Amino acid sequence: ANFRWNKGASPTEVQAVLDLALANARDSRAPMLVATAQAQLARHLWRTGGDYDRAWTLARGAEAEAFPDGPYQLRLLVLHVLGGLAGLTARPEEELDLRRRMVSLAAAEGDAYVEATSRLNVAQRYLAEPDDAPAGAAEAEARLALAAAERAGNAYSVAGAHCTLGRALG
């Protein structure tokens, strides 16, 4: 499905492949395969503006299997999709919680690249809802994102952290 998506297949074609992958995974009775197919289909529905309720249900199902000991990339994908869906469906508190979980997961794994982008997402959430954010939280998170981006050598996130820090400082 990802290969076909990257080669220009339509959202409908890719969804058909993912639906088949999920059915095959369920037939195999391999819980981690089911969780992976659920997460991939949820991501597809999210990024194509599909059925967000179905995407949420699929991602929550994948979360139940992936945590706490599933593969790191699967756990990241699940949190990423859930965070994005929470943001699109006006669940700012859930979005913030999911984004913080992603920061914690990436930091625990020593993945400074993902930690930086995740911290930027948290900082931007604080900037979007300043009345609900602790004083100085956006600035502090942007500084931590900058440090992580520099550790990772991620020039894109370094630039993003500087921009976010500038917004936080006014």
N, C-alpha and C. Protein backbone atom coordinates (compact mmCIF):
# COMPACT_ATOMS: atom_id res chain seq x y z
N ALA A 1 0.83 -1.20 0.00
CA ALA A 1 0.00 0.00 0.00
C ALA A 1 0.87 1.25 0.00
N ASN A 2 1.90 1.25 0.84
CA ASN A 2 2.78 2.43 0.88
C ASN A 2 3.51 2.61 -0.44
N PHE A 3 3.97 1.51 -1.03
CA PHE A 3 4.63 1.59 -2.32
C PHE A 3 3.68 2.17 -3.37
N ARG A 4 2.47 1.64 -3.40
CA ARG A 4 1.50 2.12 -4.39
C ARG A 4 1.14 3.57 -4.15
N TRP A 5 1.02 3.97 -2.87
CA TRP A 5 0.72 5.37 -2.54
C TRP A 5 1.83 6.27 -3.09
N ASN A 6 3.07 5.87 -2.85
CA ASN A 6 4.21 6.67 -3.29
C ASN A 6 4.36 6.70 -4.81
N LYS A 7 3.75 5.74 -5.49
CA LYS A 7 3.78 5.71 -6.96
C LYS A 7 2.54 6.36 -7.57
N GLY A 8 1.71 7.00 -6.74
CA GLY A 8 0.60 7.77 -7.27
C GLY A 8 -0.75 7.08 -7.34
N ALA A 9 -0.89 5.95 -6.67
CA ALA A 9 -2.20 5.27 -6.67
C ALA A 9 -3.22 6.16 -5.98
N SER A 10 -4.45 6.00 -6.36
CA SER A 10 -5.52 6.81 -5.76
C SER A 10 -5.75 6.38 -4.32
N PRO A 11 -6.31 7.28 -3.52
CA PRO A 11 -6.65 6.91 -2.14
C PRO A 11 -7.55 5.69 -2.05
N THR A 12 -8.48 5.55 -2.99
CA THR A 12 -9.38 4.41 -3.00
C THR A 12 -8.63 3.10 -3.25
N GLU A 13 -7.69 3.13 -4.21
CA GLU A 13 -6.89 1.93 -4.49
C GLU A 13 -6.06 1.53 -3.28
N VAL A 14 -5.44 2.52 -2.64
CA VAL A 14 -4.59 2.23 -1.48
C VAL A 14 -5.44 1.71 -0.33
N GLN A 15 -6.61 2.30 -0.14
CA GLN A 15 -7.47 1.82 0.94
C GLN A 15 -7.89 0.37 0.69
N ALA A 16 -8.16 0.02 -0.54
CA ALA A 16 -8.54 -1.37 -0.85
C ALA A 16 -7.41 -2.33 -0.48
N VAL A 17 -6.18 -1.95 -0.77
CA VAL A 17 -5.03 -2.80 -0.41
C VAL A 17 -4.92 -2.91 1.11
N LEU A 18 -5.09 -1.79 1.80
CA LEU A 18 -5.00 -1.80 3.26
C LEU A 18 -6.15 -2.58 3.90
N ASP A 19 -7.34 -2.46 3.35
CA ASP A 19 -8.47 -3.25 3.87
C ASP A 19 -8.18 -4.74 3.72
N LEU A 20 -7.61 -5.13 2.58
CA LEU A 20 -7.25 -6.53 2.35
C LEU A 20 -6.14 -6.96 3.31
N ALA A 21 -5.17 -6.08 3.53
CA ALA A 21 -4.08 -6.39 4.47
C ALA A 21 -4.65 -6.61 5.88
N LEU A 22 -5.59 -5.79 6.28
CA LEU A 22 -6.19 -5.95 7.59
C LEU A 22 -6.97 -7.26 7.68
N ALA A 23 -7.73 -7.59 6.65
CA ALA A 23 -8.47 -8.85 6.65
C ALA A 23 -7.51 -10.04 6.73
N ASN A 24 -6.43 -9.99 5.96
CA ASN A 24 -5.44 -11.08 6.00
C ASN A 24 -4.77 -11.17 7.36
N ALA A 25 -4.47 -10.02 7.95
CA ALA A 25 -3.84 -10.02 9.27
C ALA A 25 -4.78 -10.63 10.30
N ARG A 26 -6.05 -10.28 10.22
CA ARG A 26 -7.03 -10.87 11.16
C ARG A 26 -7.14 -12.38 10.96
N ASP A 27 -7.12 -12.81 9.70
CA ASP A 27 -7.18 -14.25 9.41
C ASP A 27 -5.96 -14.97 9.98
N SER A 28 -4.84 -14.31 10.01
CA SER A 28 -3.60 -14.94 10.51
C SER A 28 -3.59 -15.08 12.03
N ARG A 29 -4.46 -14.33 12.68
CA ARG A 29 -4.55 -14.34 14.14
C ARG A 29 -3.22 -13.95 14.80
N ALA A 30 -2.45 -13.11 14.12
CA ALA A 30 -1.19 -12.59 14.66
C ALA A 30 -1.45 -11.16 15.14
N PRO A 31 -1.57 -10.96 16.44
CA PRO A 31 -1.97 -9.66 16.98
C PRO A 31 -1.11 -8.48 16.51
N MET A 32 0.19 -8.67 16.39
CA MET A 32 1.03 -7.54 15.97
C MET A 32 0.82 -7.20 14.50
N LEU A 33 0.52 -8.21 13.67
CA LEU A 33 0.19 -7.92 12.27
C LEU A 33 -1.13 -7.17 12.18
N VAL A 34 -2.10 -7.57 12.99
CA VAL A 34 -3.38 -6.86 13.02
C VAL A 34 -3.16 -5.41 13.44
N ALA A 35 -2.39 -5.20 14.50
CA ALA A 35 -2.12 -3.84 14.98
C ALA A 35 -1.42 -3.01 13.91
N THR A 36 -0.47 -3.61 13.20
CA THR A 36 0.25 -2.89 12.15
C THR A 36 -0.71 -2.51 11.02
N ALA A 37 -1.54 -3.43 10.59
CA ALA A 37 -2.50 -3.13 9.53
C ALA A 37 -3.50 -2.07 9.98
N GLN A 38 -3.95 -2.16 11.22
CA GLN A 38 -4.88 -1.15 11.75
C GLN A 38 -4.23 0.23 11.74
N ALA A 39 -2.99 0.30 12.20
CA ALA A 39 -2.29 1.59 12.27
C ALA A 39 -2.06 2.16 10.87
N GLN A 40 -1.68 1.32 9.93
CA GLN A 40 -1.44 1.79 8.57
C GLN A 40 -2.74 2.28 7.92
N LEU A 41 -3.82 1.55 8.12
CA LEU A 41 -5.10 1.97 7.56
C LEU A 41 -5.58 3.24 8.24
N ALA A 42 -5.41 3.35 9.55
CA ALA A 42 -5.80 4.57 10.26
C ALA A 42 -5.02 5.77 9.72
N ARG A 43 -3.72 5.59 9.50
CA ARG A 43 -2.91 6.69 8.95
C ARG A 43 -3.42 7.09 7.57
N HIS A 44 -3.74 6.11 6.76
CA HIS A 44 -4.24 6.42 5.41
C HIS A 44 -5.55 7.21 5.49
N LEU A 45 -6.46 6.77 6.33
CA LEU A 45 -7.73 7.48 6.47
C LEU A 45 -7.51 8.90 6.98
N TRP A 46 -6.59 9.06 7.89
CA TRP A 46 -6.28 10.39 8.44
C TRP A 46 -5.69 11.30 7.37
N ARG A 47 -4.67 10.80 6.66
CA ARG A 47 -3.98 11.68 5.72
C ARG A 47 -4.77 11.95 4.45
N THR A 48 -5.81 11.15 4.19
CA THR A 48 -6.63 11.40 3.00
C THR A 48 -7.97 12.03 3.33
N GLY A 49 -8.18 12.37 4.61
CA GLY A 49 -9.45 12.98 5.00
C GLY A 49 -10.60 12.01 4.95
N GLY A 50 -10.30 10.75 5.20
CA GLY A 50 -11.32 9.71 5.17
C GLY A 50 -12.17 9.70 6.43
N ASP A 51 -12.64 8.55 6.77
CA ASP A 51 -13.52 8.35 7.91
C ASP A 51 -12.71 8.45 9.20
N TYR A 52 -12.77 9.61 9.85
CA TYR A 52 -11.97 9.84 11.07
C TYR A 52 -12.43 8.96 12.23
N ASP A 53 -13.72 8.68 12.30
CA ASP A 53 -14.20 7.80 13.37
C ASP A 53 -13.60 6.40 13.21
N ARG A 54 -13.61 5.89 12.00
CA ARG A 54 -13.01 4.57 11.76
C ARG A 54 -11.51 4.62 12.03
N ALA A 55 -10.86 5.68 11.59
CA ALA A 55 -9.43 5.82 11.81
C ALA A 55 -9.12 5.82 13.31
N TRP A 56 -9.91 6.55 14.09
CA TRP A 56 -9.71 6.61 15.54
C TRP A 56 -9.87 5.22 16.17
N THR A 57 -10.92 4.52 15.77
CA THR A 57 -11.18 3.19 16.31
C THR A 57 -10.04 2.23 15.95
N LEU A 58 -9.59 2.27 14.71
CA LEU A 58 -8.49 1.41 14.28
C LEU A 58 -7.21 1.73 15.05
N ALA A 59 -6.91 3.01 15.18
CA ALA A 59 -5.68 3.40 15.87
C ALA A 59 -5.74 3.04 17.35
N ARG A 60 -6.89 3.20 17.97
CA ARG A 60 -7.02 2.80 19.38
C ARG A 60 -6.87 1.28 19.53
N GLY A 61 -7.37 0.54 18.56
CA GLY A 61 -7.19 -0.91 18.58
C GLY A 61 -5.72 -1.28 18.45
N ALA A 62 -5.02 -0.59 17.57
CA ALA A 62 -3.58 -0.83 17.40
C ALA A 62 -2.83 -0.44 18.67
N GLU A 63 -3.25 0.63 19.29
CA GLU A 63 -2.61 1.08 20.53
C GLU A 63 -2.70 0.02 21.62
N ALA A 64 -3.86 -0.60 21.74
CA ALA A 64 -4.05 -1.62 22.77
C ALA A 64 -3.08 -2.78 22.61
N GLU A 65 -2.73 -3.11 21.38
CA GLU A 65 -1.80 -4.21 21.13
C GLU A 65 -0.34 -3.76 21.16
N ALA A 66 -0.07 -2.58 20.65
CA ALA A 66 1.31 -2.12 20.49
C ALA A 66 1.96 -1.72 21.81
N PHE A 67 1.15 -1.28 22.77
CA PHE A 67 1.71 -0.81 24.04
C PHE A 67 1.52 -1.86 25.12
N PRO A 68 2.49 -2.02 25.96
CA PRO A 68 3.69 -1.20 26.11
C PRO A 68 4.92 -1.74 25.40
N ASP A 69 4.85 -2.97 24.84
CA ASP A 69 6.08 -3.62 24.39
C ASP A 69 6.17 -3.91 22.91
N GLY A 70 5.29 -3.33 22.11
CA GLY A 70 5.36 -3.58 20.67
C GLY A 70 6.55 -2.88 20.04
N PRO A 71 6.74 -3.09 18.76
CA PRO A 71 7.86 -2.45 18.06
C PRO A 71 7.79 -0.92 18.18
N TYR A 72 8.95 -0.33 18.36
CA TYR A 72 9.04 1.13 18.53
C TYR A 72 8.36 1.88 17.40
N GLN A 73 8.64 1.52 16.15
CA GLN A 73 8.05 2.24 15.01
C GLN A 73 6.54 2.15 15.00
N LEU A 74 5.99 1.02 15.41
CA LEU A 74 4.54 0.88 15.47
C LEU A 74 3.97 1.78 16.57
N ARG A 75 4.62 1.81 17.73
CA ARG A 75 4.13 2.68 18.80
C ARG A 75 4.19 4.14 18.37
N LEU A 76 5.26 4.53 17.68
CA LEU A 76 5.34 5.91 17.18
C LEU A 76 4.21 6.21 16.21
N LEU A 77 3.99 5.30 15.28
CA LEU A 77 2.94 5.51 14.28
C LEU A 77 1.58 5.67 14.94
N VAL A 78 1.29 4.82 15.90
CA VAL A 78 -0.01 4.88 16.58
C VAL A 78 -0.18 6.23 17.28
N LEU A 79 0.83 6.67 18.02
CA LEU A 79 0.73 7.95 18.73
C LEU A 79 0.64 9.11 17.75
N HIS A 80 1.39 9.03 16.66
CA HIS A 80 1.36 10.08 15.64
C HIS A 80 -0.04 10.21 15.03
N VAL A 81 -0.61 9.09 14.66
CA VAL A 81 -1.94 9.11 14.04
C VAL A 81 -2.99 9.58 15.05
N LEU A 82 -2.96 9.04 16.26
CA LEU A 82 -3.93 9.46 17.26
C LEU A 82 -3.80 10.94 17.58
N GLY A 83 -2.57 11.43 17.69
CA GLY A 83 -2.37 12.86 17.95
C GLY A 83 -2.91 13.72 16.83
N GLY A 84 -2.64 13.32 15.60
CA GLY A 84 -3.16 14.07 14.46
C GLY A 84 -4.68 14.06 14.40
N LEU A 85 -5.26 12.90 14.64
CA LEU A 85 -6.72 12.79 14.63
C LEU A 85 -7.34 13.61 15.77
N ALA A 86 -6.72 13.57 16.94
CA ALA A 86 -7.24 14.34 18.07
C ALA A 86 -7.23 15.83 17.73
N GLY A 87 -6.17 16.28 17.07
CA GLY A 87 -6.10 17.68 16.67
C GLY A 87 -7.17 18.06 15.66
N LEU A 88 -7.44 17.17 14.72
CA LEU A 88 -8.44 17.46 13.69
C LEU A 88 -9.88 17.38 14.20
N THR A 89 -10.06 16.66 15.28
CA THR A 89 -11.43 16.45 15.77
C THR A 89 -11.68 17.20 17.08
N ALA A 90 -10.95 18.28 17.27
CA ALA A 90 -11.15 19.20 18.40
C ALA A 90 -11.07 18.50 19.76
N ARG A 91 -9.99 17.78 19.95
CA ARG A 91 -9.71 17.13 21.23
C ARG A 91 -8.34 17.62 21.72
N PRO A 92 -8.21 18.91 22.03
CA PRO A 92 -6.89 19.46 22.33
C PRO A 92 -6.20 18.82 23.53
N GLU A 93 -6.95 18.46 24.55
CA GLU A 93 -6.31 17.84 25.72
C GLU A 93 -5.77 16.46 25.38
N GLU A 94 -6.54 15.69 24.62
CA GLU A 94 -6.06 14.37 24.19
C GLU A 94 -4.87 14.51 23.26
N GLU A 95 -4.96 15.49 22.36
CA GLU A 95 -3.85 15.71 21.44
C GLU A 95 -2.57 16.01 22.21
N LEU A 96 -2.65 16.89 23.19
CA LEU A 96 -1.48 17.24 23.97
C LEU A 96 -0.93 16.03 24.72
N ASP A 97 -1.82 15.24 25.31
CA ASP A 97 -1.38 14.03 26.02
C ASP A 97 -0.67 13.07 25.07
N LEU A 98 -1.23 12.86 23.89
CA LEU A 98 -0.64 11.95 22.92
C LEU A 98 0.71 12.46 22.43
N ARG A 99 0.80 13.76 22.21
CA ARG A 99 2.07 14.34 21.75
C ARG A 99 3.13 14.23 22.86
N ARG A 100 2.73 14.43 24.10
CA ARG A 100 3.68 14.26 25.22
C ARG A 100 4.15 12.81 25.32
N ARG A 101 3.22 11.87 25.11
CA ARG A 101 3.60 10.46 25.13
C ARG A 101 4.62 10.16 24.03
N MET A 102 4.46 10.80 22.89
CA MET A 102 5.40 10.59 21.79
C MET A 102 6.77 11.14 22.16
N VAL A 103 6.81 12.30 22.81
CA VAL A 103 8.08 12.86 23.29
C VAL A 103 8.75 11.87 24.24
N SER A 104 7.99 11.38 25.20
CA SER A 104 8.54 10.45 26.19
C SER A 104 9.07 9.18 25.54
N LEU A 105 8.31 8.66 24.60
CA LEU A 105 8.73 7.43 23.91
C LEU A 105 10.02 7.66 23.13
N ALA A 106 10.07 8.74 22.35
CA ALA A 106 11.26 9.02 21.55
C ALA A 106 12.47 9.28 22.44
N ALA A 107 12.28 10.03 23.51
CA ALA A 107 13.40 10.32 24.42
C ALA A 107 13.90 9.04 25.07
N ALA A 108 12.98 8.18 25.49
CA ALA A 108 13.37 6.92 26.13
C ALA A 108 14.15 6.02 25.17
N GLU A 109 13.84 6.11 23.88
CA GLU A 109 14.54 5.30 22.87
C GLU A 109 15.81 5.97 22.37
N GLY A 110 16.07 7.21 22.82
CA GLY A 110 17.24 7.93 22.35
C GLY A 110 17.12 8.41 20.93
N ASP A 111 15.89 8.59 20.46
CA ASP A 111 15.62 9.02 19.08
C ASP A 111 15.44 10.55 19.08
N ALA A 112 16.56 11.26 19.01
CA ALA A 112 16.52 12.72 19.08
C ALA A 112 15.79 13.32 17.88
N TYR A 113 15.83 12.68 16.73
CA TYR A 113 15.14 13.19 15.54
C TYR A 113 13.63 13.29 15.80
N VAL A 114 13.04 12.20 16.24
CA VAL A 114 11.59 12.19 16.52
C VAL A 114 11.29 13.01 17.77
N GLU A 115 12.16 12.97 18.75
CA GLU A 115 11.96 13.78 19.95
C GLU A 115 11.83 15.26 19.58
N ALA A 116 12.70 15.74 18.69
CA ALA A 116 12.67 17.15 18.29
C ALA A 116 11.34 17.51 17.64
N THR A 117 10.91 16.72 16.67
CA THR A 117 9.65 17.05 15.99
C THR A 117 8.46 16.91 16.94
N SER A 118 8.52 15.96 17.82
CA SER A 118 7.43 15.78 18.79
C SER A 118 7.38 16.94 19.76
N ARG A 119 8.54 17.39 20.21
CA ARG A 119 8.56 18.55 21.11
C ARG A 119 8.05 19.80 20.41
N LEU A 120 8.36 19.93 19.13
CA LEU A 120 7.82 21.07 18.37
C LEU A 120 6.30 21.01 18.32
N ASN A 121 5.75 19.82 18.14
CA ASN A 121 4.30 19.67 18.13
C ASN A 121 3.70 20.08 19.47
N VAL A 122 4.36 19.71 20.57
CA VAL A 122 3.87 20.09 21.90
C VAL A 122 3.95 21.61 22.06
N ALA A 123 5.07 22.19 21.67
CA ALA A 123 5.22 23.65 21.79
C ALA A 123 4.17 24.38 20.96
N GLN A 124 3.92 23.89 19.77
CA GLN A 124 2.92 24.53 18.91
C GLN A 124 1.51 24.37 19.47
N ARG A 125 1.25 23.25 20.13
CA ARG A 125 -0.04 23.06 20.81
C ARG A 125 -0.20 24.09 21.92
N TYR A 126 0.89 24.32 22.69
CA TYR A 126 0.86 25.34 23.74
C TYR A 126 0.62 26.72 23.15
N LEU A 127 1.24 27.01 22.01
CA LEU A 127 1.04 28.31 21.37
C LEU A 127 -0.39 28.47 20.85
N ALA A 128 -0.99 27.37 20.42
CA ALA A 128 -2.36 27.42 19.90
C ALA A 128 -3.39 27.65 21.00
N GLU A 129 -3.08 27.20 22.21
CA GLU A 129 -4.00 27.33 23.34
C GLU A 129 -3.25 27.97 24.52
N PRO A 130 -2.81 29.22 24.38
CA PRO A 130 -1.96 29.81 25.42
C PRO A 130 -2.63 29.93 26.79
N ASP A 131 -3.94 30.07 26.83
CA ASP A 131 -4.63 30.19 28.12
C ASP A 131 -4.62 28.88 28.90
N ASP A 132 -4.48 27.77 28.20
CA ASP A 132 -4.47 26.45 28.85
C ASP A 132 -3.05 25.94 29.11
N ALA A 133 -2.04 26.66 28.64
CA ALA A 133 -0.66 26.20 28.77
C ALA A 133 -0.03 26.80 30.04
N PRO A 134 0.81 26.03 30.70
CA PRO A 134 1.55 26.59 31.83
C PRO A 134 2.43 27.76 31.36
N ALA A 135 2.65 28.71 32.23
CA ALA A 135 3.47 29.87 31.87
C ALA A 135 4.85 29.42 31.41
N GLY A 136 5.28 29.92 30.27
CA GLY A 136 6.60 29.61 29.74
C GLY A 136 6.74 28.24 29.12
N ALA A 137 5.66 27.48 29.04
CA ALA A 137 5.74 26.10 28.55
C ALA A 137 6.15 26.03 27.08
N ALA A 138 5.59 26.90 26.24
CA ALA A 138 5.93 26.85 24.82
C ALA A 138 7.40 27.17 24.61
N GLU A 139 7.91 28.17 25.32
CA GLU A 139 9.33 28.51 25.20
C GLU A 139 10.21 27.36 25.68
N ALA A 140 9.89 26.80 26.82
CA ALA A 140 10.69 25.70 27.37
C ALA A 140 10.70 24.51 26.42
N GLU A 141 9.55 24.17 25.88
CA GLU A 141 9.46 23.03 24.97
C GLU A 141 10.21 23.31 23.67
N ALA A 142 10.13 24.54 23.18
CA ALA A 142 10.85 24.90 21.96
C ALA A 142 12.36 24.81 22.18
N ARG A 143 12.82 25.20 23.35
CA ARG A 143 14.26 25.10 23.65
C ARG A 143 14.70 23.62 23.71
N LEU A 144 13.86 22.78 24.31
CA LEU A 144 14.17 21.35 24.35
C LEU A 144 14.14 20.75 22.95
N ALA A 145 13.21 21.21 22.12
CA ALA A 145 13.15 20.75 20.72
C ALA A 145 14.41 21.16 19.97
N LEU A 146 14.86 22.38 20.21
CA LEU A 146 16.08 22.85 19.56
C LEU A 146 17.28 21.98 19.95
N ALA A 147 17.41 21.70 21.23
CA ALA A 147 18.52 20.86 21.70
C ALA A 147 18.46 19.47 21.07
N ALA A 148 17.27 18.88 21.02
CA ALA A 148 17.13 17.55 20.42
C ALA A 148 17.42 17.59 18.93
N ALA A 149 16.95 18.63 18.24
CA ALA A 149 17.19 18.76 16.80
C ALA A 149 18.68 18.90 16.51
N GLU A 150 19.38 19.65 17.36
CA GLU A 150 20.82 19.80 17.17
C GLU A 150 21.54 18.48 17.42
N ARG A 151 21.11 17.73 18.45
CA ARG A 151 21.71 16.41 18.70
C ARG A 151 21.51 15.48 17.51
N ALA A 152 20.34 15.57 16.90
CA ALA A 152 20.01 14.69 15.78
C ALA A 152 20.63 15.15 14.47
N GLY A 153 21.11 16.39 14.42
CA GLY A 153 21.61 16.93 13.16
C GLY A 153 20.50 17.17 12.17
N ASN A 154 19.32 17.49 12.67
CA ASN A 154 18.13 17.67 11.85
C ASN A 154 17.94 19.17 11.57
N ALA A 155 18.50 19.63 10.47
CA ALA A 155 18.46 21.06 10.14
C ALA A 155 17.04 21.59 10.01
N TYR A 156 16.15 20.78 9.47
CA TYR A 156 14.75 21.20 9.33
C TYR A 156 14.13 21.49 10.69
N SER A 157 14.35 20.60 11.66
CA SER A 157 13.79 20.82 13.00
C SER A 157 14.53 21.91 13.75
N VAL A 158 15.81 22.10 13.47
CA VAL A 158 16.53 23.23 14.07
C VAL A 158 15.86 24.53 13.64
N ALA A 159 15.59 24.64 12.34
CA ALA A 159 14.93 25.85 11.84
C ALA A 159 13.53 25.99 12.44
N GLY A 160 12.80 24.89 12.48
CA GLY A 160 11.45 24.92 13.06
C GLY A 160 11.47 25.31 14.52
N ALA A 161 12.47 24.82 15.26
CA ALA A 161 12.58 25.16 16.68
C ALA A 161 12.89 26.64 16.85
N HIS A 162 13.75 27.18 16.01
CA HIS A 162 14.03 28.62 16.09
C HIS A 162 12.78 29.44 15.81
N CYS A 163 12.02 29.03 14.80
CA CYS A 163 10.78 29.76 14.47
C CYS A 163 9.78 29.65 15.62
N THR A 164 9.63 28.45 16.17
CA THR A 164 8.68 28.25 17.27
C THR A 164 9.14 29.01 18.51
N LEU A 165 10.43 29.00 18.77
CA LEU A 165 10.96 29.76 19.91
C LEU A 165 10.71 31.25 19.69
N GLY A 166 10.90 31.72 18.49
CA GLY A 166 10.62 33.13 18.19
C GLY A 166 9.16 33.48 18.43
N ARG A 167 8.26 32.59 18.03
CA ARG A 167 6.83 32.83 18.30
C ARG A 167 6.55 32.83 19.81
N ALA A 168 7.18 31.90 20.51
CA ALA A 168 6.96 31.81 21.96
C ALA A 168 7.47 33.05 22.69
N LEU A 169 8.55 33.62 22.18
CA LEU A 169 9.12 34.82 22.80
C LEU A 169 8.44 36.11 22.33
N GLY A 170 7.59 35.98 21.34
CA GLY A 170 6.86 37.14 20.85
C GLY A 170 7.72 38.01 19.96
